[in-house]
């Protein structure tokens, strides 16, 4: 995936940190909003396509498990559920 987080002018920076975490794990590429232009977007989309097998393998090798099961578990065991 290609992540384009909101810049610090429009957010608290959490989108930037999340995008960085996904990129560091090899799941995505990040395009900073301030660097967004036609040429850079095309470059990164091409790079994603060229590296799709590597990215998919990184996600398959993740120790995160099944995201849906994790979310359901967290919701069911949350102190906010009444």
C-alpha atoms as a PDB file:
ATOM      1  CA  UNK A   1       0.000   0.000   0.000  1.00  0.00           C
ATOM      2  CA  UNK A   2       0.974   3.602  -0.455  1.00  0.00           C
ATOM      3  CA  UNK A   3       0.284   5.737   2.583  1.00  0.00           C
ATOM      4  CA  UNK A   4      -0.078   9.503   2.263  1.00  0.00           C
ATOM      5  CA  UNK A   5      -0.448  10.793   5.830  1.00  0.00           C
ATOM      6  CA  UNK A   6      -1.748  14.236   6.661  1.00  0.00           C
ATOM      7  CA  UNK A   7       1.039  16.664   7.481  1.00  0.00           C
ATOM      8  CA  UNK A   8       1.646  18.239  10.868  1.00  0.00           C
ATOM      9  CA  UNK A   9      -0.331  21.302   9.827  1.00  0.00           C
ATOM     10  CA  UNK A  10      -3.525  19.214   9.692  1.00  0.00           C
ATOM     11  CA  UNK A  11      -2.903  16.487  12.263  1.00  0.00           C
ATOM     12  CA  UNK A  12      -1.177  15.660  15.527  1.00  0.00           C
ATOM     13  CA  UNK A  13       1.432  13.629  13.672  1.00  0.00           C
ATOM     14  CA  UNK A  14      -0.021  10.223  14.506  1.00  0.00           C
ATOM     15  CA  UNK A  15      -0.664   9.447  10.827  1.00  0.00           C
ATOM     16  CA  UNK A  16       2.997  10.152  10.073  1.00  0.00           C
ATOM     17  CA  UNK A  17       4.131   7.830  12.866  1.00  0.00           C
ATOM     18  CA  UNK A  18       1.752   5.071  11.774  1.00  0.00           C
ATOM     19  CA  UNK A  19       2.887   5.368   8.154  1.00  0.00           C
ATOM     20  CA  UNK A  20       6.521   5.178   9.260  1.00  0.00           C
ATOM     21  CA  UNK A  21       5.809   2.032  11.290  1.00  0.00           C
ATOM     22  CA  UNK A  22       4.149   0.312   8.319  1.00  0.00           C
ATOM     23  CA  UNK A  23       7.031   1.288   6.048  1.00  0.00           C
ATOM     24  CA  UNK A  24       9.691   0.107   8.506  1.00  0.00           C
ATOM     25  CA  UNK A  25       7.987  -3.295   8.683  1.00  0.00           C
ATOM     26  CA  UNK A  26       8.038  -3.501   4.892  1.00  0.00           C
ATOM     27  CA  UNK A  27       4.255  -3.357   4.471  1.00  0.00           C
ATOM     28  CA  UNK A  28       3.991  -0.042   2.637  1.00  0.00           C
ATOM     29  CA  UNK A  29       5.651   2.990   1.146  1.00  0.00           C
ATOM     30  CA  UNK A  30       5.033   6.483   2.453  1.00  0.00           C
ATOM     31  CA  UNK A  31       4.579   9.659   0.466  1.00  0.00           C
ATOM     32  CA  UNK A  32       4.639  12.771   2.617  1.00  0.00           C
ATOM     33  CA  UNK A  33       1.818  15.135   1.778  1.00  0.00           C
ATOM     34  CA  UNK A  34       4.203  18.036   1.186  1.00  0.00           C
ATOM     35  CA  UNK A  35       6.052  15.914  -1.425  1.00  0.00           C
ATOM     36  CA  UNK A  36       2.911  14.836  -3.242  1.00  0.00           C
ATOM     37  CA  UNK A  37       3.038  15.582  -6.955  1.00  0.00           C
ATOM     38  CA  UNK A  38       2.284  13.657 -10.142  1.00  0.00           C
ATOM     39  CA  UNK A  39       5.864  12.534 -10.713  1.00  0.00           C
ATOM     40  CA  UNK A  40       6.518  11.333  -7.150  1.00  0.00           C
ATOM     41  CA  UNK A  41       3.161   9.548  -6.981  1.00  0.00           C
ATOM     42  CA  UNK A  42       3.905   7.682 -10.220  1.00  0.00           C
ATOM     43  CA  UNK A  43       7.419   6.792  -9.027  1.00  0.00           C
ATOM     44  CA  UNK A  44       6.132   5.278  -5.811  1.00  0.00           C
ATOM     45  CA  UNK A  45       3.260   3.434  -7.486  1.00  0.00           C
ATOM     46  CA  UNK A  46       5.779   1.938  -9.925  1.00  0.00           C
ATOM     47  CA  UNK A  47       8.026   0.986  -7.009  1.00  0.00           C
ATOM     48  CA  UNK A  48       5.107  -0.655  -5.223  1.00  0.00           C
ATOM     49  CA  UNK A  49       4.284  -2.683  -8.301  1.00  0.00           C
ATOM     50  CA  UNK A  50       7.909  -3.739  -8.759  1.00  0.00           C
ATOM     51  CA  UNK A  51       8.181  -4.791  -5.098  1.00  0.00           C
ATOM     52  CA  UNK A  52       4.699  -6.217  -4.569  1.00  0.00           C
ATOM     53  CA  UNK A  53       5.990  -9.742  -3.952  1.00  0.00           C
ATOM     54  CA  UNK A  54       8.442  -8.544  -1.293  1.00  0.00           C
ATOM     55  CA  UNK A  55       5.751  -6.455   0.421  1.00  0.00           C
ATOM     56  CA  UNK A  56       3.251  -9.314   0.363  1.00  0.00           C
ATOM     57  CA  UNK A  57       5.863 -11.668   1.813  1.00  0.00           C
ATOM     58  CA  UNK A  58       6.612  -9.171   4.607  1.00  0.00           C
ATOM     59  CA  UNK A  59       2.932  -9.073   5.493  1.00  0.00           C
ATOM     60  CA  UNK A  60       2.614 -12.873   5.350  1.00  0.00           C
ATOM     61  CA  UNK A  61       5.603 -13.238   7.676  1.00  0.00           C
ATOM     62  CA  UNK A  62       4.152 -10.787  10.171  1.00  0.00           C
ATOM     63  CA  UNK A  63       3.622 -12.073  13.665  1.00  0.00           C
ATOM     64  CA  UNK A  64       0.575  -9.837  14.017  1.00  0.00           C
ATOM     65  CA  UNK A  65      -1.856 -12.669  13.331  1.00  0.00           C
ATOM     66  CA  UNK A  66      -5.387 -12.290  12.108  1.00  0.00           C
ATOM     67  CA  UNK A  67      -6.349  -8.627  12.465  1.00  0.00           C
ATOM     68  CA  UNK A  68     -10.087  -9.310  12.531  1.00  0.00           C
ATOM     69  CA  UNK A  69      -9.759 -11.856  15.324  1.00  0.00           C
ATOM     70  CA  UNK A  70      -7.533  -9.471  17.270  1.00  0.00           C
ATOM     71  CA  UNK A  71     -10.048  -6.617  16.934  1.00  0.00           C
ATOM     72  CA  UNK A  72     -13.002  -8.785  17.957  1.00  0.00           C
ATOM     73  CA  UNK A  73     -11.066 -10.028  20.964  1.00  0.00           C
ATOM     74  CA  UNK A  74     -10.114  -6.505  22.007  1.00  0.00           C
ATOM     75  CA  UNK A  75     -13.682  -5.260  21.630  1.00  0.00           C
ATOM     76  CA  UNK A  76     -15.113  -8.184  23.598  1.00  0.00           C
ATOM     77  CA  UNK A  77     -12.617  -7.729  26.405  1.00  0.00           C
ATOM     78  CA  UNK A  78     -12.652  -3.964  26.524  1.00  0.00           C
ATOM     79  CA  UNK A  79     -13.709  -2.184  29.696  1.00  0.00           C
ATOM     80  CA  UNK A  80     -15.788   0.138  27.496  1.00  0.00           C
ATOM     81  CA  UNK A  81     -18.183  -2.622  26.419  1.00  0.00           C
ATOM     82  CA  UNK A  82     -21.299  -2.634  28.548  1.00  0.00           C
END
